[in-house]
N, C-alpha and C. Protein backbone atom coordinates (compact mmCIF):
# COMPACT_ATOMS: atom_id res chain seq x y z
N MET A 1 0.94 -1.65 0.62
CA MET A 1 -0.19 0.44 0.09
C MET A 1 0.44 1.25 0.14
N LYS A 2 2.15 1.37 0.60
CA LYS A 2 2.99 1.88 0.76
C LYS A 2 3.50 2.77 -0.44
N ASN A 3 3.61 1.25 -1.28
CA ASN A 3 4.26 1.72 -2.35
C ASN A 3 3.63 2.35 -3.83
N VAL A 4 2.25 1.84 -2.97
CA VAL A 4 1.47 2.74 -4.44
C VAL A 4 0.91 3.97 -4.18
N PHE A 5 1.18 4.94 -2.80
CA PHE A 5 0.79 5.76 -2.56
C PHE A 5 2.29 6.92 -2.90
N VAL A 6 3.59 6.34 -2.90
CA VAL A 6 5.12 6.80 -3.41
C VAL A 6 5.07 6.89 -4.59
N LEU A 7 4.36 5.67 -5.87
CA LEU A 7 3.88 5.88 -7.20
C LEU A 7 3.23 6.90 -7.24
N LEU A 8 1.86 7.07 -6.86
CA LEU A 8 1.28 8.17 -7.46
C LEU A 8 1.89 9.75 -6.91
N PHE A 9 2.37 9.66 -5.55
CA PHE A 9 2.82 10.91 -5.57
C PHE A 9 3.88 11.27 -6.56
N PHE A 10 4.52 10.42 -7.26
CA PHE A 10 6.08 10.37 -8.17
C PHE A 10 4.86 11.18 -9.30
N ALA A 11 3.81 10.18 -9.77
CA ALA A 11 2.88 10.72 -11.46
C ALA A 11 2.30 11.79 -11.10
N PHE A 12 2.17 12.17 -9.78
CA PHE A 12 1.54 13.80 -9.68
C PHE A 12 2.62 14.69 -9.45
N ALA A 13 3.56 14.73 -9.06
CA ALA A 13 4.73 15.33 -9.27
C ALA A 13 5.47 15.57 -10.70
N ASN A 14 5.15 14.94 -11.47
CA ASN A 14 6.10 14.93 -12.73
C ASN A 14 4.73 15.15 -13.62
N SER A 15 3.57 15.37 -13.56
CA SER A 15 2.59 16.06 -14.12
C SER A 15 1.68 17.02 -13.75
N LEU A 16 2.84 17.72 -12.30
CA LEU A 16 2.46 19.46 -12.46
C LEU A 16 3.62 19.34 -13.23
N LEU A 17 5.05 19.09 -13.18
CA LEU A 17 5.75 19.64 -13.79
C LEU A 17 5.79 19.40 -15.15
N ALA A 18 5.23 19.09 -15.67
CA ALA A 18 4.90 18.74 -17.64
C ALA A 18 4.04 19.90 -17.69
N GLN A 19 3.40 20.45 -16.88
CA GLN A 19 2.16 21.37 -16.69
C GLN A 19 3.57 22.88 -16.73
N THR A 20 4.39 22.51 -16.22
CA THR A 20 4.64 24.36 -16.33
C THR A 20 6.28 24.46 -16.34
N GLU A 21 6.34 23.15 -17.74
CA GLU A 21 7.30 23.17 -18.37
C GLU A 21 7.13 24.72 -19.63
N LEU A 22 8.30 25.63 -19.87
CA LEU A 22 8.01 26.85 -20.08
C LEU A 22 8.69 26.02 -22.12
N PRO A 23 8.50 26.66 -22.54
CA PRO A 23 9.39 26.82 -24.21
C PRO A 23 10.16 27.20 -24.31
N TYR A 24 10.93 26.10 -24.80
CA TYR A 24 12.33 27.07 -26.08
C TYR A 24 13.66 26.23 -24.68
N ALA A 25 13.54 25.35 -23.54
CA ALA A 25 14.93 24.79 -23.54
C ALA A 25 15.42 24.08 -23.58
N GLU A 26 14.48 23.65 -25.35
CA GLU A 26 15.50 23.61 -26.91
C GLU A 26 15.15 24.11 -27.38
N ILE A 27 15.38 24.85 -29.15
CA ILE A 27 14.72 24.71 -29.89
C ILE A 27 14.27 23.36 -30.37
N PRO A 28 12.96 23.79 -31.88
CA PRO A 28 12.31 23.06 -31.99
C PRO A 28 12.91 22.29 -33.15
N ALA A 29 12.45 20.96 -33.98
CA ALA A 29 12.73 20.13 -34.72
C ALA A 29 13.10 21.36 -35.66
N LEU A 30 14.13 21.35 -36.70
CA LEU A 30 14.18 21.47 -38.28
C LEU A 30 13.16 21.71 -38.54
N PRO A 31 12.42 22.58 -39.37
CA PRO A 31 11.56 22.69 -40.82
C PRO A 31 11.84 21.53 -41.88
N GLU A 32 10.49 21.23 -42.41
CA GLU A 32 10.93 20.19 -43.22
C GLU A 32 10.94 20.61 -44.60
N LYS A 33 10.80 22.70 -45.04
CA LYS A 33 11.15 23.03 -45.61
C LYS A 33 11.22 24.64 -45.55
N PHE A 34 11.83 25.06 -46.34
CA PHE A 34 12.00 26.67 -46.34
C PHE A 34 10.77 27.20 -46.72
N SER A 35 10.93 28.67 -46.53
CA SER A 35 9.80 29.14 -46.58
C SER A 35 9.98 30.57 -45.56
N ALA A 36 9.09 32.05 -46.16
CA ALA A 36 9.77 32.89 -45.28
C ALA A 36 8.82 32.67 -43.93
N GLY A 37 8.02 31.78 -43.72
CA GLY A 37 6.84 31.73 -42.58
C GLY A 37 8.01 31.22 -41.55
N THR A 38 8.77 29.56 -41.91
CA THR A 38 9.99 28.64 -41.47
C THR A 38 10.84 29.21 -40.99
N VAL A 39 11.27 30.31 -42.15
CA VAL A 39 12.53 31.26 -41.60
C VAL A 39 12.57 31.85 -40.61
N ALA A 40 11.22 32.73 -40.27
CA ALA A 40 10.79 33.71 -39.65
C ALA A 40 10.65 33.17 -38.13
N ALA A 41 9.86 31.77 -38.23
CA ALA A 41 9.65 31.10 -37.23
C ALA A 41 11.45 30.80 -36.22
N ARG A 42 12.31 30.20 -37.21
CA ARG A 42 13.35 29.56 -36.48
C ARG A 42 14.29 30.98 -36.11
N VAL A 43 13.79 32.33 -36.66
CA VAL A 43 14.38 33.36 -36.34
C VAL A 43 13.91 32.92 -34.34
N ILE A 44 12.69 33.60 -34.06
CA ILE A 44 11.99 33.56 -33.34
C ILE A 44 12.75 33.00 -32.19
N ASP A 45 12.92 31.92 -32.75
CA ASP A 45 13.25 30.08 -32.18
C ASP A 45 14.25 30.07 -32.01
N GLY A 46 15.15 31.18 -32.59
CA GLY A 46 16.84 30.79 -31.49
C GLY A 46 16.44 32.68 -30.50
N LEU A 47 15.19 33.18 -30.98
CA LEU A 47 15.26 33.95 -29.98
C LEU A 47 14.80 33.91 -28.80
N GLY A 48 13.41 33.34 -28.63
CA GLY A 48 13.23 32.07 -27.15
C GLY A 48 14.00 31.34 -26.67
N PHE A 49 14.96 30.65 -27.36
CA PHE A 49 15.69 29.93 -26.68
C PHE A 49 16.81 30.41 -25.92
N ARG A 50 17.39 31.68 -26.88
CA ARG A 50 18.07 32.17 -26.30
C ARG A 50 17.71 33.03 -24.68
N TYR A 51 16.47 33.69 -25.20
CA TYR A 51 15.66 34.17 -23.98
C TYR A 51 15.47 33.20 -22.51
N TYR A 52 15.22 32.00 -22.98
CA TYR A 52 15.36 30.97 -21.97
C TYR A 52 16.52 30.94 -21.11
N TRP A 53 17.20 30.51 -21.70
CA TRP A 53 18.59 30.22 -20.90
C TRP A 53 19.21 31.44 -20.40
N ALA A 54 19.10 32.44 -20.70
CA ALA A 54 19.42 33.78 -20.58
C ALA A 54 19.07 34.36 -19.17
N THR A 55 17.10 34.03 -19.13
CA THR A 55 16.98 34.30 -17.70
C THR A 55 16.77 33.20 -16.82
N ASP A 56 17.51 32.16 -16.97
CA ASP A 56 17.79 30.75 -16.23
C ASP A 56 18.35 30.84 -14.83
N GLY A 57 17.35 30.92 -13.49
CA GLY A 57 18.50 30.74 -12.74
C GLY A 57 18.90 32.04 -12.45
N LEU A 58 18.09 33.27 -12.64
CA LEU A 58 18.46 35.01 -12.21
C LEU A 58 17.94 34.70 -10.52
N ARG A 59 18.41 35.50 -9.97
CA ARG A 59 18.98 35.84 -8.65
C ARG A 59 17.90 36.77 -8.29
N LYS A 60 17.63 37.53 -7.73
CA LYS A 60 16.88 38.28 -7.01
C LYS A 60 17.91 39.54 -6.75
N GLU A 61 19.42 39.61 -6.97
CA GLU A 61 20.83 40.45 -6.64
C GLU A 61 21.19 40.79 -8.27
N ASP A 62 20.51 39.17 -9.12
CA ASP A 62 20.99 39.89 -10.37
C ASP A 62 19.70 40.71 -11.83
N LEU A 63 18.56 40.02 -11.11
CA LEU A 63 17.33 41.47 -11.35
C LEU A 63 17.79 43.20 -11.30
N ALA A 64 17.97 42.53 -10.06
CA ALA A 64 18.83 44.58 -9.47
C ALA A 64 19.79 44.75 -9.79
N PHE A 65 20.37 44.25 -10.54
CA PHE A 65 21.78 44.31 -11.45
C PHE A 65 21.60 45.79 -12.24
N LYS A 66 22.68 46.84 -12.62
CA LYS A 66 22.82 47.50 -13.60
C LYS A 66 24.27 47.84 -13.45
N PRO A 67 24.11 48.46 -14.57
CA PRO A 67 25.97 48.25 -14.76
C PRO A 67 26.33 50.25 -14.59
N ASN A 68 25.06 50.50 -14.24
CA ASN A 68 25.85 51.82 -13.94
C ASN A 68 24.53 52.76 -13.38
N ALA A 69 24.57 54.28 -13.16
CA ALA A 69 23.34 54.89 -12.81
C ALA A 69 22.71 55.31 -13.66
N ASP A 70 22.62 55.37 -15.17
CA ASP A 70 22.24 55.73 -15.93
C ASP A 70 21.35 54.75 -16.73
N ALA A 71 22.01 53.03 -16.66
CA ALA A 71 21.31 52.33 -17.11
C ALA A 71 19.80 51.30 -16.50
N ARG A 72 19.35 50.78 -17.59
CA ARG A 72 18.03 49.76 -16.51
C ARG A 72 18.59 48.44 -15.63
N THR A 73 17.94 48.17 -15.00
CA THR A 73 18.40 47.15 -14.44
C THR A 73 18.57 45.69 -14.67
N THR A 74 18.49 44.79 -14.85
CA THR A 74 18.01 43.45 -15.54
C THR A 74 16.91 43.24 -15.70
N GLU A 75 15.92 43.37 -14.49
CA GLU A 75 14.70 42.95 -15.14
C GLU A 75 13.73 43.97 -15.43
N GLU A 76 13.91 45.52 -15.53
CA GLU A 76 13.56 46.76 -15.82
C GLU A 76 13.79 46.33 -17.61
N THR A 77 14.62 45.49 -18.69
CA THR A 77 15.32 45.22 -19.36
C THR A 77 14.62 43.94 -19.87
N LEU A 78 14.50 43.22 -18.91
CA LEU A 78 14.04 42.05 -19.41
C LEU A 78 12.06 42.47 -19.04
N ALA A 79 11.50 43.54 -18.70
CA ALA A 79 10.70 43.66 -18.74
C ALA A 79 10.47 44.85 -20.09
N HIS A 80 11.12 45.61 -20.55
CA HIS A 80 11.03 45.75 -21.98
C HIS A 80 10.95 44.64 -23.15
N VAL A 81 11.56 43.31 -23.22
CA VAL A 81 11.85 42.53 -23.97
C VAL A 81 10.09 42.09 -24.09
N TYR A 82 9.90 41.70 -22.51
CA TYR A 82 8.05 41.08 -22.77
C TYR A 82 7.47 41.95 -23.10
N GLU A 83 7.52 43.94 -23.30
CA GLU A 83 7.00 44.13 -23.96
C GLU A 83 6.04 44.16 -25.45
N MET A 84 8.24 43.97 -26.24
CA MET A 84 8.36 43.89 -27.19
C MET A 84 7.76 42.70 -27.69
N SER A 85 7.91 41.64 -26.83
CA SER A 85 7.48 40.42 -27.47
C SER A 85 5.41 39.81 -28.03
N PHE A 86 5.10 41.31 -26.98
CA PHE A 86 3.40 41.71 -27.64
C PHE A 86 3.47 42.07 -28.64
N LEU A 87 4.12 42.89 -29.56
CA LEU A 87 4.29 43.31 -30.21
C LEU A 87 4.26 42.02 -31.59
N VAL A 88 5.32 41.12 -31.46
CA VAL A 88 5.67 40.46 -31.58
C VAL A 88 4.86 39.69 -31.96
N VAL A 89 3.87 39.00 -31.36
CA VAL A 89 3.13 38.33 -31.21
C VAL A 89 1.81 38.97 -31.76
N ASN A 90 1.27 39.73 -31.60
CA ASN A 90 0.13 40.27 -32.52
C ASN A 90 0.36 40.32 -33.62
N ALA A 91 1.35 40.31 -34.41
CA ALA A 91 1.49 40.55 -36.04
C ALA A 91 0.87 39.22 -36.38
N THR A 92 1.15 38.07 -35.54
CA THR A 92 0.75 37.07 -36.32
C THR A 92 -0.42 36.86 -35.74
N LEU A 93 -1.11 37.12 -35.11
CA LEU A 93 -2.59 38.17 -35.23
C LEU A 93 -3.29 37.78 -35.08
N LYS A 94 -2.62 39.06 -35.93
CA LYS A 94 -3.43 39.93 -36.98
C LYS A 94 -4.12 41.26 -35.97
N LYS A 95 -3.70 41.38 -34.65
CA LYS A 95 -3.91 41.72 -33.62
C LYS A 95 -3.72 43.37 -33.30
N VAL A 96 -4.08 44.72 -33.42
CA VAL A 96 -3.55 46.26 -32.84
C VAL A 96 -3.39 45.85 -31.97
N ASN A 97 -2.29 46.65 -31.42
CA ASN A 97 -1.12 46.95 -30.21
C ASN A 97 -1.94 47.95 -29.60
N VAL A 98 -2.31 47.33 -28.54
CA VAL A 98 -3.09 48.83 -27.32
C VAL A 98 -2.03 48.91 -26.04
N PRO A 99 -2.26 50.34 -25.56
CA PRO A 99 -1.56 50.50 -24.54
C PRO A 99 -1.92 49.53 -23.61
N GLY A 100 -0.93 49.78 -22.49
CA GLY A 100 -1.79 48.32 -21.24
C GLY A 100 -2.18 47.04 -21.59
N GLN A 101 -1.21 46.57 -23.08
CA GLN A 101 -1.88 45.01 -23.68
C GLN A 101 -0.33 44.32 -22.27
N ASP A 102 0.21 44.95 -21.69
CA ASP A 102 1.79 44.40 -21.68
C ASP A 102 1.48 44.94 -19.77
N LYS A 103 0.58 44.07 -18.69
CA LYS A 103 0.12 44.19 -17.78
C LYS A 103 1.76 44.17 -16.72
N LYS A 104 2.21 45.03 -16.11
CA LYS A 104 3.26 44.80 -15.09
C LYS A 104 2.92 43.02 -14.07
N LEU A 105 3.87 42.51 -14.26
CA LEU A 105 4.16 40.83 -13.48
C LEU A 105 5.00 40.93 -12.75
N PRO A 106 4.78 39.64 -11.95
CA PRO A 106 6.53 39.28 -11.23
C PRO A 106 7.11 38.63 -12.58
N PHE A 107 8.27 38.37 -12.46
CA PHE A 107 9.30 37.56 -12.78
C PHE A 107 9.33 36.64 -13.49
N ALA A 108 9.19 35.69 -12.65
CA ALA A 108 8.62 34.26 -13.52
C ALA A 108 7.23 34.52 -13.84
N GLU A 109 6.28 35.32 -14.12
CA GLU A 109 4.73 35.09 -14.39
C GLU A 109 5.71 36.11 -15.86
N MET A 110 6.08 37.32 -15.43
CA MET A 110 6.87 37.61 -17.11
C MET A 110 7.83 36.84 -17.86
N ARG A 111 8.14 36.00 -17.44
CA ARG A 111 8.69 35.08 -18.00
C ARG A 111 8.64 33.99 -18.96
N LYS A 112 7.56 33.71 -17.94
CA LYS A 112 6.50 32.92 -19.07
C LYS A 112 5.89 33.32 -19.73
N ALA A 113 5.46 34.62 -20.05
CA ALA A 113 4.25 35.08 -20.73
C ALA A 113 5.11 35.49 -21.62
N THR A 114 6.30 36.20 -22.13
CA THR A 114 6.83 36.50 -22.81
C THR A 114 7.92 35.35 -23.90
N LEU A 115 8.06 34.32 -23.34
CA LEU A 115 8.00 32.43 -24.03
C LEU A 115 7.02 32.17 -24.50
N GLU A 116 6.07 32.49 -23.99
CA GLU A 116 4.86 31.87 -24.45
C GLU A 116 4.58 33.17 -25.87
N ASN A 117 4.62 34.23 -25.72
CA ASN A 117 4.37 34.96 -27.02
C ASN A 117 5.14 34.68 -27.40
N PHE A 118 6.40 34.31 -27.20
CA PHE A 118 7.38 34.16 -28.78
C PHE A 118 6.84 32.36 -29.27
N LYS A 119 6.67 31.59 -28.53
CA LYS A 119 6.13 30.56 -29.06
C LYS A 119 4.48 30.41 -30.17
N THR A 120 3.81 31.20 -29.32
CA THR A 120 3.14 31.75 -30.19
C THR A 120 3.18 31.88 -31.66
N ALA A 121 4.00 33.03 -31.59
CA ALA A 121 4.25 34.08 -32.64
C ALA A 121 5.07 32.77 -33.77
N ALA A 122 6.03 32.24 -33.32
CA ALA A 122 6.87 31.17 -34.37
C ALA A 122 5.89 30.05 -34.62
N ASP A 123 5.11 29.73 -34.13
CA ASP A 123 4.12 28.52 -34.55
C ASP A 123 2.78 29.18 -35.60
N ASN A 124 3.07 30.78 -35.23
CA ASN A 124 2.26 31.28 -36.33
C ASN A 124 2.46 31.13 -37.83
N LEU A 125 3.82 31.42 -37.72
CA LEU A 125 4.90 32.14 -38.87
C LEU A 125 5.40 30.70 -39.47
N ARG A 126 5.88 29.80 -38.78
CA ARG A 126 5.84 28.18 -39.21
C ARG A 126 5.55 27.31 -40.35
N THR A 127 4.37 27.99 -39.92
CA THR A 127 3.28 27.50 -40.83
C THR A 127 1.75 28.57 -42.31
N ALA A 128 2.49 29.33 -41.82
CA ALA A 128 2.02 31.03 -42.87
C ALA A 128 2.33 30.96 -44.24
N THR A 129 1.27 30.70 -44.96
CA THR A 129 1.42 31.01 -46.36
C THR A 129 2.70 32.09 -46.74
N GLU A 130 2.59 32.60 -48.15
CA GLU A 130 3.60 33.81 -48.40
C GLU A 130 2.29 35.08 -47.95
N THR A 131 0.86 35.05 -48.43
CA THR A 131 -0.26 35.49 -48.18
C THR A 131 -0.68 35.68 -46.99
N GLN A 132 -0.36 34.77 -45.87
CA GLN A 132 -0.54 35.43 -44.26
C GLN A 132 1.07 36.18 -44.33
N MET A 133 1.49 35.79 -44.32
CA MET A 133 2.66 36.86 -44.18
C MET A 133 2.47 38.10 -44.75
N LYS A 134 2.43 38.56 -45.70
CA LYS A 134 1.68 39.44 -45.74
C LYS A 134 0.88 40.39 -45.06
N GLU A 135 0.34 40.38 -44.48
CA GLU A 135 -0.89 40.24 -43.54
C GLU A 135 -0.46 40.20 -42.63
N PHE A 136 0.75 39.74 -41.27
CA PHE A 136 1.33 39.86 -40.42
C PHE A 136 2.12 41.26 -39.84
N ASN A 137 1.72 42.16 -40.23
CA ASN A 137 2.14 43.95 -39.94
C ASN A 137 1.61 44.05 -38.44
N PHE A 138 2.66 44.67 -38.00
CA PHE A 138 3.01 45.80 -36.87
C PHE A 138 1.41 46.92 -36.96
N ILE A 139 1.07 47.02 -36.25
CA ILE A 139 -0.40 47.72 -35.99
C ILE A 139 -0.64 48.62 -34.56
N TYR A 140 -1.06 49.42 -34.47
CA TYR A 140 -1.16 50.34 -33.04
C TYR A 140 -1.76 51.81 -33.38
N PHE A 141 -2.65 52.46 -32.60
CA PHE A 141 -2.97 53.13 -33.18
C PHE A 141 -2.44 54.37 -32.10
N ASP A 142 -2.65 55.90 -32.77
CA ASP A 142 -1.76 57.15 -32.13
C ASP A 142 -2.03 58.04 -32.47
N HIS A 143 -2.96 58.70 -31.64
CA HIS A 143 -3.79 60.01 -31.72
C HIS A 143 -5.07 59.76 -32.45
N GLY A 144 -6.11 58.54 -32.67
CA GLY A 144 -6.48 58.02 -33.52
C GLY A 144 -6.38 57.30 -34.74
N ASN A 145 -5.27 57.58 -35.28
CA ASN A 145 -4.93 57.39 -36.64
C ASN A 145 -4.31 55.80 -36.46
N LYS A 146 -4.83 54.92 -37.60
CA LYS A 146 -4.28 53.99 -37.20
C LYS A 146 -3.14 53.16 -38.16
N ILE A 147 -1.96 53.06 -37.44
CA ILE A 147 -0.63 53.18 -38.11
C ILE A 147 -0.08 51.65 -38.50
N GLU A 148 0.41 51.23 -39.31
CA GLU A 148 0.76 49.50 -40.07
C GLU A 148 2.34 49.86 -40.45
N TYR A 149 2.69 48.85 -40.20
CA TYR A 149 4.47 48.65 -40.63
C TYR A 149 3.95 46.99 -40.78
N PRO A 150 4.49 46.87 -42.02
CA PRO A 150 5.02 45.12 -42.61
C PRO A 150 5.64 44.91 -41.55
N PHE A 151 5.69 43.12 -42.14
CA PHE A 151 6.35 42.52 -40.79
C PHE A 151 8.05 42.67 -40.91
N TRP A 152 8.31 43.08 -41.68
CA TRP A 152 9.84 43.36 -42.04
C TRP A 152 9.83 44.02 -41.14
N ASN A 153 9.32 45.23 -40.67
CA ASN A 153 10.09 46.04 -39.78
C ASN A 153 9.97 45.25 -38.05
N LEU A 154 9.82 44.64 -37.99
CA LEU A 154 9.30 43.91 -37.40
C LEU A 154 10.55 43.26 -36.74
N ILE A 155 11.04 42.71 -37.98
CA ILE A 155 12.67 42.29 -38.22
C ILE A 155 13.78 42.76 -37.61
N ASN A 156 13.43 44.59 -38.03
CA ASN A 156 14.81 44.84 -38.07
C ASN A 156 14.09 45.85 -36.09
N GLY A 157 13.30 45.90 -36.09
CA GLY A 157 12.46 46.39 -34.92
C GLY A 157 12.84 45.67 -33.88
N PRO A 158 11.63 45.50 -32.99
CA PRO A 158 11.81 45.05 -31.75
C PRO A 158 12.30 43.41 -31.52
N ILE A 159 12.29 42.37 -33.35
CA ILE A 159 12.56 41.28 -33.16
C ILE A 159 14.17 41.66 -32.31
N GLU A 160 15.28 42.13 -33.19
CA GLU A 160 16.56 42.69 -33.34
C GLU A 160 16.73 43.13 -32.28
N ASP A 161 15.78 43.97 -30.94
CA ASP A 161 16.40 44.24 -30.08
C ASP A 161 15.95 43.53 -29.33
N CYS A 162 15.38 42.96 -29.38
CA CYS A 162 15.01 41.60 -27.92
C CYS A 162 16.31 41.10 -27.99
N LEU A 163 16.40 40.35 -29.00
CA LEU A 163 18.66 40.03 -28.77
C LEU A 163 19.22 40.82 -28.50
N TRP A 164 19.57 42.31 -28.98
CA TRP A 164 20.26 42.59 -29.24
C TRP A 164 20.14 43.12 -27.21
N HIS A 165 18.68 42.71 -26.78
CA HIS A 165 18.97 42.95 -24.80
C HIS A 165 18.71 41.66 -24.20
N ILE A 166 18.44 40.55 -25.07
CA ILE A 166 19.23 39.10 -23.92
C ILE A 166 20.30 39.56 -24.52
N GLY A 167 21.60 40.19 -25.28
CA GLY A 167 22.48 39.44 -25.15
C GLY A 167 23.26 40.48 -23.51
N GLN A 168 22.09 41.66 -23.43
CA GLN A 168 22.57 42.47 -22.21
C GLN A 168 22.64 41.90 -21.07
N VAL A 169 21.18 41.05 -21.20
CA VAL A 169 21.00 40.62 -19.80
C VAL A 169 22.00 39.52 -19.52
N VAL A 170 23.00 38.85 -20.73
CA VAL A 170 24.05 37.51 -20.58
C VAL A 170 24.99 38.42 -19.92
N SER A 171 25.09 39.75 -20.38
CA SER A 171 26.41 40.66 -19.70
C SER A 171 26.16 41.29 -18.57
N PHE A 172 24.96 40.97 -17.78
CA PHE A 172 24.78 41.85 -16.12
C PHE A 172 24.79 40.75 -15.14
N ARG A 173 24.16 39.74 -16.15
CA ARG A 173 24.33 38.54 -15.18
C ARG A 173 25.92 37.55 -15.07
N ARG A 174 26.53 38.23 -16.08
CA ARG A 174 27.74 37.90 -16.08
C ARG A 174 28.20 38.88 -14.67
N SER A 175 28.03 39.74 -14.68
CA SER A 175 29.09 40.98 -14.08
C SER A 175 28.07 40.82 -12.63
N SER A 176 27.34 40.39 -12.55
CA SER A 176 26.64 40.24 -10.78
C SER A 176 27.15 39.67 -10.15
N GLY A 177 27.74 38.48 -11.22
CA GLY A 177 28.61 36.59 -10.46
C GLY A 177 27.51 35.84 -10.86
N ASN A 178 26.61 35.72 -11.62
CA ASN A 178 26.08 34.41 -12.02
C ASN A 178 25.92 34.21 -13.62
N PRO A 179 27.02 33.88 -14.38
CA PRO A 179 27.11 33.54 -16.12
C PRO A 179 26.63 32.71 -16.57
N PHE A 180 26.06 32.75 -17.32
CA PHE A 180 25.23 31.86 -18.61
C PHE A 180 26.36 30.33 -18.64
N ARG A 181 26.37 29.45 -19.02
CA ARG A 181 26.78 28.61 -19.26
C ARG A 181 26.25 26.98 -19.63
N GLU A 182 26.77 26.52 -19.91
CA GLU A 182 26.79 25.19 -21.12
C GLU A 182 25.56 25.16 -21.75
N VAL A 183 25.25 25.83 -22.38
CA VAL A 183 24.35 25.89 -23.46
C VAL A 183 25.20 26.26 -24.86
N ASP A 184 24.23 25.28 -25.94
CA ASP A 184 25.14 24.99 -26.98
C ASP A 184 23.94 26.20 -28.45
N LEU A 185 24.62 27.05 -28.09
CA LEU A 185 23.77 27.67 -28.78
C LEU A 185 23.73 27.61 -30.15
N PHE A 186 24.49 27.12 -30.83
CA PHE A 186 24.95 26.78 -33.02
C PHE A 186 23.04 25.32 -32.64
N LEU A 187 23.74 23.66 -31.43
CA LEU A 187 23.02 23.34 -31.58
C LEU A 187 21.23 23.35 -31.00
N GLY A 188 21.09 24.21 -30.04
CA GLY A 188 19.64 24.52 -29.52
C GLY A 188 19.99 23.61 -28.58
N LYS A 189 20.65 22.78 -27.85
CA LYS A 189 20.42 22.71 -26.58
C LYS A 189 21.13 22.36 -25.39
N LYS A 190 20.93 22.00 -24.78
CA LYS A 190 21.39 22.18 -23.78
C LYS A 190 22.91 21.18 -23.51
């Protein structure tokens, strides 16, 4: 009887772990074909993978670190990446970006939401046709005027900006004594 309870406990614990698993501990398998959508998805997959490992195991002192008085803290930098993750995912959902879509969250929840936004965007891109890619625009309202930019601007704007800031986080965590280690960025696995 005792063994049954132990087995049930471990089954329940594994079930909970599976439910809380975050995307991008590894990069997804290679796509079977090259297309605009699969290439764009792979860029987001690489972004998600780097974000996952750059933010894995951050301590309170890492989140509070900033290299000088004029710089953002690591947590503020990650909040900026979180904000931009909405710009990326909303383009692939054909949604308008609105102020306040990126509610302030505790770090663990913000990390999860950022990774999920990247995963949703990549999944949408991975299956997109060329026609759909042309519809994945960055849309927002400014003083009542609808402003729309093509997906191309997301690549050189928020997507590349996220990569830039993830590099900062890696540098910041090294400076705060918690370096990024043991991840193969080339192969996309630990």
